[in-house]
Amino acid sequence: QVQLVESGGGLVQTGGSMRLSCAASGRILSGNFMGWYRQAPGKQRELVAGISRGGSTTYVDHAKGRFTLTRDNTRNTVYLQMNSLKPEDTAVYYCYLRNLDATFSWGQGTQVTVSS
């Protein structure tokens, strides 16, 4: 079992910044991937960014240039720094961890609201 605890959501104005954190515990295998998805009201959950244990990152187009994903392997924690936030970034953000055995774990979600 993997437990993921997220923090850092809230309300921010357009153009502002916010940092999300996600701490993992439990059955964490080496070579895992961690990152974030988000789900806006009425829309499907979509990938935001992912990072390997070695630090290689993947960003979807809407995050490139604005969001930065980093991880601290000593703490099994990932950080999503979000800058230049837009109202369309409003969503529930979910942390995930994918182990090499293909098991997938989700955090409980944290609400990010960007006011116009």
N, C-alpha and C. Protein backbone atom coordinates (compact mmCIF):
# COMPACT_ATOMS: atom_id res chain seq x y z
N GLN A 1 0.82 -1.19 0.00
CA GLN A 1 0.00 0.00 0.00
C GLN A 1 0.87 1.26 0.00
N VAL A 2 0.44 2.23 -0.77
CA VAL A 2 1.12 3.52 -0.82
C VAL A 2 0.16 4.59 -0.33
N GLN A 3 0.64 5.47 0.50
CA GLN A 3 -0.16 6.60 0.97
C GLN A 3 0.47 7.88 0.41
N LEU A 4 -0.38 8.74 -0.08
CA LEU A 4 0.06 10.02 -0.65
C LEU A 4 -0.69 11.14 0.05
N VAL A 5 0.03 12.08 0.62
CA VAL A 5 -0.57 13.19 1.34
C VAL A 5 -0.19 14.48 0.64
N GLU A 6 -1.21 15.18 0.16
CA GLU A 6 -1.00 16.42 -0.60
C GLU A 6 -1.22 17.63 0.29
N SER A 7 -0.59 18.71 -0.09
CA SER A 7 -0.81 19.97 0.61
C SER A 7 -0.49 21.11 -0.34
N GLY A 8 -1.01 22.29 -0.01
CA GLY A 8 -0.64 23.48 -0.74
C GLY A 8 -1.70 24.09 -1.63
N GLY A 9 -2.86 23.52 -1.73
CA GLY A 9 -3.90 24.10 -2.57
C GLY A 9 -4.52 25.33 -1.93
N GLY A 10 -5.43 25.96 -2.67
CA GLY A 10 -6.11 27.13 -2.15
C GLY A 10 -6.55 28.07 -3.25
N LEU A 11 -6.72 29.32 -2.88
CA LEU A 11 -7.21 30.35 -3.80
C LEU A 11 -6.08 31.32 -4.12
N VAL A 12 -5.95 31.64 -5.40
CA VAL A 12 -4.92 32.58 -5.84
C VAL A 12 -5.49 33.40 -6.99
N GLN A 13 -4.98 34.58 -7.17
CA GLN A 13 -5.44 35.44 -8.27
C GLN A 13 -4.72 35.09 -9.57
N THR A 14 -5.33 35.46 -10.65
CA THR A 14 -4.71 35.26 -11.96
C THR A 14 -3.32 35.88 -11.98
N GLY A 15 -2.37 35.12 -12.50
CA GLY A 15 -0.99 35.58 -12.55
C GLY A 15 -0.17 35.22 -11.33
N GLY A 16 -0.83 34.71 -10.31
CA GLY A 16 -0.15 34.36 -9.08
C GLY A 16 0.55 33.01 -9.15
N SER A 17 1.13 32.62 -8.03
CA SER A 17 1.88 31.38 -7.94
C SER A 17 1.38 30.54 -6.78
N MET A 18 1.65 29.25 -6.88
CA MET A 18 1.26 28.34 -5.83
C MET A 18 2.17 27.12 -5.92
N ARG A 19 2.47 26.52 -4.76
CA ARG A 19 3.28 25.30 -4.75
C ARG A 19 2.50 24.19 -4.06
N LEU A 20 2.40 23.07 -4.75
CA LEU A 20 1.78 21.88 -4.20
C LEU A 20 2.87 20.91 -3.78
N SER A 21 2.60 20.19 -2.69
CA SER A 21 3.52 19.16 -2.22
C SER A 21 2.78 17.85 -2.08
N CYS A 22 3.51 16.77 -2.25
CA CYS A 22 2.92 15.44 -2.10
C CYS A 22 3.98 14.53 -1.48
N ALA A 23 3.68 14.02 -0.31
CA ALA A 23 4.59 13.12 0.40
C ALA A 23 4.07 11.70 0.32
N ALA A 24 4.94 10.79 -0.09
CA ALA A 24 4.57 9.39 -0.24
C ALA A 24 5.16 8.56 0.89
N SER A 25 4.42 7.52 1.27
CA SER A 25 4.90 6.58 2.26
C SER A 25 4.33 5.22 1.93
N GLY A 26 4.91 4.20 2.56
CA GLY A 26 4.42 2.85 2.33
C GLY A 26 5.30 2.08 1.36
N ARG A 27 4.67 1.28 0.51
CA ARG A 27 5.36 0.37 -0.41
C ARG A 27 5.83 1.15 -1.64
N ILE A 28 6.95 1.81 -1.51
CA ILE A 28 7.50 2.60 -2.60
C ILE A 28 8.69 1.86 -3.18
N LEU A 29 8.56 1.45 -4.42
CA LEU A 29 9.63 0.69 -5.07
C LEU A 29 10.58 1.64 -5.78
N SER A 30 11.81 1.21 -5.94
CA SER A 30 12.76 2.04 -6.68
C SER A 30 12.31 2.12 -8.13
N GLY A 31 12.70 3.21 -8.80
CA GLY A 31 12.31 3.40 -10.18
C GLY A 31 10.90 3.88 -10.37
N ASN A 32 10.28 4.38 -9.33
CA ASN A 32 8.90 4.83 -9.45
C ASN A 32 8.81 6.19 -10.13
N PHE A 33 7.62 6.48 -10.58
CA PHE A 33 7.29 7.79 -11.14
C PHE A 33 6.26 8.45 -10.22
N MET A 34 6.41 9.76 -10.06
CA MET A 34 5.42 10.52 -9.30
C MET A 34 5.03 11.75 -10.11
N GLY A 35 3.93 12.34 -9.74
CA GLY A 35 3.53 13.55 -10.44
C GLY A 35 2.13 13.96 -10.09
N TRP A 36 1.52 14.70 -11.01
CA TRP A 36 0.21 15.29 -10.75
C TRP A 36 -0.70 15.18 -11.97
N TYR A 37 -1.95 14.89 -11.67
CA TYR A 37 -3.04 15.03 -12.60
C TYR A 37 -3.94 16.13 -12.06
N ARG A 38 -4.87 16.57 -12.89
CA ARG A 38 -5.88 17.50 -12.41
C ARG A 38 -7.21 17.20 -13.07
N GLN A 39 -8.27 17.61 -12.39
CA GLN A 39 -9.61 17.41 -12.92
C GLN A 39 -10.45 18.63 -12.64
N ALA A 40 -10.86 19.28 -13.71
CA ALA A 40 -11.74 20.45 -13.61
C ALA A 40 -13.19 19.98 -13.63
N PRO A 41 -14.10 20.79 -13.13
CA PRO A 41 -15.53 20.39 -13.11
C PRO A 41 -16.02 20.04 -14.51
N GLY A 42 -16.64 18.89 -14.62
CA GLY A 42 -17.21 18.47 -15.89
C GLY A 42 -16.22 17.95 -16.90
N LYS A 43 -14.96 17.82 -16.50
CA LYS A 43 -13.93 17.36 -17.43
C LYS A 43 -13.26 16.10 -16.90
N GLN A 44 -12.58 15.41 -17.80
CA GLN A 44 -11.85 14.22 -17.40
C GLN A 44 -10.56 14.61 -16.70
N ARG A 45 -10.08 13.67 -15.88
CA ARG A 45 -8.80 13.88 -15.23
C ARG A 45 -7.70 13.88 -16.31
N GLU A 46 -6.78 14.83 -16.21
CA GLU A 46 -5.72 14.94 -17.20
C GLU A 46 -4.36 15.08 -16.52
N LEU A 47 -3.35 14.58 -17.20
CA LEU A 47 -1.99 14.65 -16.69
C LEU A 47 -1.51 16.10 -16.70
N VAL A 48 -0.77 16.46 -15.66
CA VAL A 48 -0.12 17.77 -15.62
C VAL A 48 1.38 17.59 -15.83
N ALA A 49 2.00 16.76 -15.00
CA ALA A 49 3.44 16.56 -15.10
C ALA A 49 3.82 15.31 -14.33
N GLY A 50 4.94 14.70 -14.73
CA GLY A 50 5.45 13.53 -14.04
C GLY A 50 6.96 13.61 -13.95
N ILE A 51 7.52 12.88 -12.97
CA ILE A 51 8.96 12.91 -12.76
C ILE A 51 9.42 11.53 -12.33
N SER A 52 10.52 11.09 -12.92
CA SER A 52 11.09 9.80 -12.53
C SER A 52 11.91 9.96 -11.26
N ARG A 53 12.30 8.85 -10.70
CA ARG A 53 13.12 8.90 -9.50
C ARG A 53 14.46 9.57 -9.81
N GLY A 54 14.90 9.43 -11.05
CA GLY A 54 16.16 10.04 -11.46
C GLY A 54 16.05 11.51 -11.81
N GLY A 55 14.81 12.03 -11.81
CA GLY A 55 14.63 13.46 -12.04
C GLY A 55 14.21 13.85 -13.44
N SER A 56 14.00 12.89 -14.32
CA SER A 56 13.51 13.22 -15.66
C SER A 56 12.05 13.62 -15.59
N THR A 57 11.71 14.72 -16.24
CA THR A 57 10.35 15.26 -16.13
C THR A 57 9.62 15.23 -17.46
N THR A 58 8.32 15.17 -17.35
CA THR A 58 7.41 15.26 -18.49
C THR A 58 6.33 16.26 -18.14
N TYR A 59 6.07 17.16 -19.06
CA TYR A 59 5.02 18.15 -18.86
C TYR A 59 4.07 18.11 -20.05
N VAL A 60 2.80 18.31 -19.78
CA VAL A 60 1.87 18.48 -20.89
C VAL A 60 1.95 19.93 -21.33
N ASP A 61 1.41 20.19 -22.51
CA ASP A 61 1.60 21.51 -23.13
C ASP A 61 1.14 22.66 -22.24
N HIS A 62 0.02 22.49 -21.55
CA HIS A 62 -0.51 23.61 -20.77
C HIS A 62 0.34 23.95 -19.56
N ALA A 63 1.27 23.05 -19.20
CA ALA A 63 2.13 23.27 -18.05
C ALA A 63 3.53 23.76 -18.42
N LYS A 64 3.92 23.53 -19.63
CA LYS A 64 5.28 23.87 -20.05
C LYS A 64 5.53 25.37 -19.92
N GLY A 65 6.66 25.71 -19.32
CA GLY A 65 7.03 27.10 -19.17
C GLY A 65 6.43 27.79 -17.97
N ARG A 66 5.42 27.16 -17.36
CA ARG A 66 4.77 27.78 -16.19
C ARG A 66 4.91 26.94 -14.93
N PHE A 67 4.89 25.63 -15.09
CA PHE A 67 4.94 24.73 -13.95
C PHE A 67 6.30 24.03 -13.89
N THR A 68 6.78 23.79 -12.68
CA THR A 68 8.04 23.06 -12.50
C THR A 68 7.82 21.97 -11.45
N LEU A 69 8.17 20.77 -11.84
CA LEU A 69 8.01 19.61 -10.95
C LEU A 69 9.38 19.15 -10.48
N THR A 70 9.55 19.03 -9.19
CA THR A 70 10.80 18.54 -8.62
C THR A 70 10.49 17.47 -7.59
N ARG A 71 11.51 16.74 -7.19
CA ARG A 71 11.29 15.73 -6.16
C ARG A 71 12.50 15.64 -5.24
N ASP A 72 12.20 15.25 -4.02
CA ASP A 72 13.21 15.01 -3.00
C ASP A 72 13.10 13.54 -2.63
N ASN A 73 14.02 12.74 -3.13
CA ASN A 73 13.94 11.30 -2.89
C ASN A 73 14.18 10.94 -1.43
N THR A 74 14.90 11.77 -0.71
CA THR A 74 15.14 11.47 0.71
C THR A 74 13.85 11.59 1.51
N ARG A 75 12.92 12.37 1.00
CA ARG A 75 11.64 12.57 1.68
C ARG A 75 10.48 11.92 0.94
N ASN A 76 10.78 11.29 -0.21
CA ASN A 76 9.72 10.71 -1.06
C ASN A 76 8.63 11.75 -1.31
N THR A 77 9.05 12.94 -1.65
CA THR A 77 8.13 14.06 -1.82
C THR A 77 8.36 14.73 -3.17
N VAL A 78 7.26 15.10 -3.81
CA VAL A 78 7.34 15.88 -5.04
C VAL A 78 6.71 17.25 -4.81
N TYR A 79 7.20 18.21 -5.57
CA TYR A 79 6.73 19.58 -5.44
C TYR A 79 6.37 20.10 -6.82
N LEU A 80 5.19 20.69 -6.93
CA LEU A 80 4.76 21.29 -8.19
C LEU A 80 4.68 22.80 -7.98
N GLN A 81 5.61 23.51 -8.54
CA GLN A 81 5.59 24.97 -8.49
C GLN A 81 4.82 25.47 -9.70
N MET A 82 3.76 26.21 -9.44
CA MET A 82 2.91 26.70 -10.52
C MET A 82 2.97 28.22 -10.54
N ASN A 83 3.40 28.76 -11.65
CA ASN A 83 3.50 30.20 -11.83
C ASN A 83 2.57 30.66 -12.94
N SER A 84 2.33 31.96 -12.99
CA SER A 84 1.48 32.55 -14.03
C SER A 84 0.15 31.81 -14.14
N LEU A 85 -0.47 31.59 -13.02
CA LEU A 85 -1.70 30.80 -13.00
C LEU A 85 -2.84 31.52 -13.72
N LYS A 86 -3.68 30.72 -14.35
CA LYS A 86 -4.81 31.22 -15.11
C LYS A 86 -6.10 30.62 -14.56
N PRO A 87 -7.23 31.26 -14.80
CA PRO A 87 -8.51 30.67 -14.33
C PRO A 87 -8.72 29.25 -14.84
N GLU A 88 -8.24 28.95 -16.03
CA GLU A 88 -8.42 27.59 -16.56
C GLU A 88 -7.56 26.55 -15.86
N ASP A 89 -6.68 26.99 -14.97
CA ASP A 89 -5.93 26.04 -14.14
C ASP A 89 -6.73 25.58 -12.92
N THR A 90 -7.89 26.19 -12.72
CA THR A 90 -8.74 25.80 -11.60
C THR A 90 -9.17 24.35 -11.74
N ALA A 91 -8.88 23.56 -10.72
CA ALA A 91 -9.17 22.13 -10.75
C ALA A 91 -8.80 21.52 -9.41
N VAL A 92 -9.20 20.28 -9.25
CA VAL A 92 -8.66 19.48 -8.15
C VAL A 92 -7.41 18.80 -8.66
N TYR A 93 -6.33 18.96 -7.96
CA TYR A 93 -5.04 18.40 -8.37
C TYR A 93 -4.77 17.14 -7.54
N TYR A 94 -4.45 16.07 -8.25
CA TYR A 94 -4.23 14.77 -7.62
C TYR A 94 -2.79 14.33 -7.82
N CYS A 95 -2.14 14.01 -6.74
CA CYS A 95 -0.81 13.43 -6.81
C CYS A 95 -0.93 11.95 -7.15
N TYR A 96 0.05 11.42 -7.86
CA TYR A 96 0.05 9.99 -8.14
C TYR A 96 1.46 9.44 -7.96
N LEU A 97 1.51 8.14 -7.74
CA LEU A 97 2.76 7.40 -7.73
C LEU A 97 2.53 6.12 -8.50
N ARG A 98 3.39 5.88 -9.46
CA ARG A 98 3.32 4.63 -10.23
C ARG A 98 4.59 3.84 -9.99
N ASN A 99 4.42 2.69 -9.36
CA ASN A 99 5.56 1.82 -9.11
C ASN A 99 5.91 1.03 -10.37
N LEU A 100 7.10 0.46 -10.39
CA LEU A 100 7.53 -0.30 -11.56
C LEU A 100 6.71 -1.57 -11.76
N ASP A 101 6.01 -2.03 -10.72
CA ASP A 101 5.13 -3.18 -10.89
C ASP A 101 3.79 -2.77 -11.46
N ALA A 102 3.69 -1.51 -11.91
CA ALA A 102 2.52 -0.95 -12.58
C ALA A 102 1.38 -0.59 -11.62
N THR A 103 1.58 -0.76 -10.33
CA THR A 103 0.53 -0.31 -9.40
C THR A 103 0.51 1.22 -9.38
N PHE A 104 -0.69 1.74 -9.26
CA PHE A 104 -0.92 3.18 -9.37
C PHE A 104 -1.65 3.63 -8.12
N SER A 105 -1.14 4.65 -7.45
CA SER A 105 -1.77 5.16 -6.24
C SER A 105 -2.07 6.64 -6.40
N TRP A 106 -3.17 7.07 -5.77
CA TRP A 106 -3.63 8.46 -5.87
C TRP A 106 -3.68 9.10 -4.50
N GLY A 107 -3.43 10.41 -4.49
CA GLY A 107 -3.70 11.18 -3.30
C GLY A 107 -5.17 11.54 -3.25
N GLN A 108 -5.56 12.24 -2.18
CA GLN A 108 -6.97 12.55 -1.97
C GLN A 108 -7.41 13.75 -2.80
N GLY A 109 -6.47 14.50 -3.34
CA GLY A 109 -6.79 15.67 -4.15
C GLY A 109 -6.75 16.95 -3.35
N THR A 110 -6.32 18.01 -3.99
CA THR A 110 -6.30 19.32 -3.35
C THR A 110 -6.83 20.35 -4.35
N GLN A 111 -7.72 21.19 -3.88
CA GLN A 111 -8.39 22.15 -4.74
C GLN A 111 -7.48 23.36 -5.00
N VAL A 112 -7.36 23.71 -6.26
CA VAL A 112 -6.67 24.93 -6.68
C VAL A 112 -7.69 25.79 -7.41
N THR A 113 -7.90 27.00 -6.93
CA THR A 113 -8.84 27.92 -7.54
C THR A 113 -8.11 29.19 -7.92
N VAL A 114 -8.22 29.56 -9.19
CA VAL A 114 -7.58 30.78 -9.69
C VAL A 114 -8.68 31.76 -10.04
N SER A 115 -8.72 32.87 -9.35
CA SER A 115 -9.76 33.86 -9.58
C SER A 115 -9.32 34.83 -10.67
N SER A 116 -10.32 35.28 -11.44
CA SER A 116 -10.02 36.20 -12.54
C SER A 116 -10.10 37.65 -12.09
